[in-house]
């Protein structure tokens, strides 16, 4: 069984990272046109927006009209586990 202990540890890390990924890293309510991830500066022409940045790299933008837009790339697999380890261990 000892020969597979690294697999068990890796799976445990993966499960922890997937849970961590759903957490909120940052919350921004703004009218800025210069956010690092923003590809839609027109969203703030008239109203503010609410941007929720998750630990897995995804950014969810909520507009005043109820529309939801996503930015960024969601980390998965080894990339997610590595990011989790950088922030928690």
Protein backbone atom coordinates (compact mmCIF):
# COMPACT_ATOMS: atom_id res chain seq x y z
CA UNK A 1 0.00 0.00 0.00
CA UNK A 2 2.93 2.34 0.69
CA UNK A 3 3.78 2.38 -3.00
CA UNK A 4 0.49 4.17 -3.72
CA UNK A 5 0.54 6.63 -0.82
CA UNK A 6 1.52 9.50 -3.15
CA UNK A 7 -1.61 8.78 -5.22
CA UNK A 8 -3.78 8.93 -2.13
CA UNK A 9 -2.14 12.21 -1.09
CA UNK A 10 -2.57 13.65 -4.59
CA UNK A 11 -6.27 12.75 -4.61
CA UNK A 12 -6.73 14.33 -1.17
CA UNK A 13 -4.99 17.49 -2.40
CA UNK A 14 -7.22 17.50 -5.49
CA UNK A 15 -10.39 17.28 -3.40
CA UNK A 16 -9.19 20.06 -1.08
CA UNK A 17 -8.22 22.24 -4.06
CA UNK A 18 -11.62 21.75 -5.72
CA UNK A 19 -13.35 22.88 -2.55
CA UNK A 20 -10.95 25.84 -2.18
CA UNK A 21 -11.50 26.82 -5.84
CA UNK A 22 -15.13 27.77 -5.12
CA UNK A 23 -14.07 30.35 -2.53
CA UNK A 24 -14.10 34.08 -3.23
CA UNK A 25 -10.65 35.60 -3.68
CA UNK A 26 -11.85 39.19 -4.18
CA UNK A 27 -15.03 41.20 -4.60
CA UNK A 28 -15.11 44.48 -6.53
CA UNK A 29 -18.05 46.83 -7.00
CA UNK A 30 -16.87 49.56 -9.36
CA UNK A 31 -17.18 51.69 -12.49
CA UNK A 32 -13.54 51.28 -13.51
CA UNK A 33 -12.53 50.56 -17.08
CA UNK A 34 -9.05 49.29 -16.26
CA UNK A 35 -9.36 46.01 -14.38
CA UNK A 36 -6.58 43.58 -15.39
CA UNK A 37 -9.06 40.94 -16.58
CA UNK A 38 -11.60 43.26 -18.18
CA UNK A 39 -12.42 42.81 -21.86
CA UNK A 40 -15.72 44.68 -21.66
CA UNK A 41 -15.03 48.26 -20.50
CA UNK A 42 -18.38 49.33 -21.97
CA UNK A 43 -20.12 47.59 -19.05
CA UNK A 44 -19.29 50.54 -16.80
CA UNK A 45 -20.40 53.33 -19.16
CA UNK A 46 -23.69 53.91 -17.33
CA UNK A 47 -23.70 51.82 -14.13
CA UNK A 48 -21.44 50.06 -11.70
CA UNK A 49 -20.69 46.34 -11.95
CA UNK A 50 -20.00 43.67 -9.35
CA UNK A 51 -17.00 41.46 -10.10
CA UNK A 52 -16.47 38.30 -8.05
CA UNK A 53 -13.01 36.76 -8.43
CA UNK A 54 -12.86 33.11 -7.41
CA UNK A 55 -9.80 31.20 -6.20
CA UNK A 56 -9.78 29.08 -9.37
CA UNK A 57 -9.09 32.14 -11.58
CA UNK A 58 -12.61 32.72 -12.87
CA UNK A 59 -14.13 36.21 -12.61
CA UNK A 60 -17.92 36.56 -12.61
CA UNK A 61 -19.29 39.99 -13.55
CA UNK A 62 -22.84 40.91 -12.58
CA UNK A 63 -24.36 43.82 -14.44
CA UNK A 64 -27.19 46.03 -13.16
CA UNK A 65 -29.59 44.53 -15.72
CA UNK A 66 -29.07 41.04 -14.25
CA UNK A 67 -26.76 39.79 -16.99
CA UNK A 68 -23.77 37.70 -15.88
CA UNK A 69 -20.48 37.62 -17.81
CA UNK A 70 -17.38 35.52 -17.11
CA UNK A 71 -13.69 36.39 -17.58
CA UNK A 72 -10.52 34.44 -17.13
CA UNK A 73 -9.72 30.78 -17.31
CA UNK A 74 -10.83 28.33 -14.64
CA UNK A 75 -7.90 26.28 -13.37
CA UNK A 76 -8.32 22.50 -13.31
CA UNK A 77 -6.21 19.44 -12.56
CA UNK A 78 -2.54 19.94 -11.71
CA UNK A 79 -2.73 23.69 -12.34
CA UNK A 80 -5.46 24.01 -9.72
CA UNK A 81 -3.60 21.84 -7.21
CA UNK A 82 -0.43 23.89 -7.72
CA UNK A 83 -2.30 27.19 -7.22
CA UNK A 84 -3.98 25.79 -4.11
CA UNK A 85 -0.61 24.72 -2.70
CA UNK A 86 0.88 28.18 -3.40
CA UNK A 87 -1.85 29.87 -1.39
CA UNK A 88 -2.38 27.43 1.46
CA UNK A 89 0.80 25.49 2.21
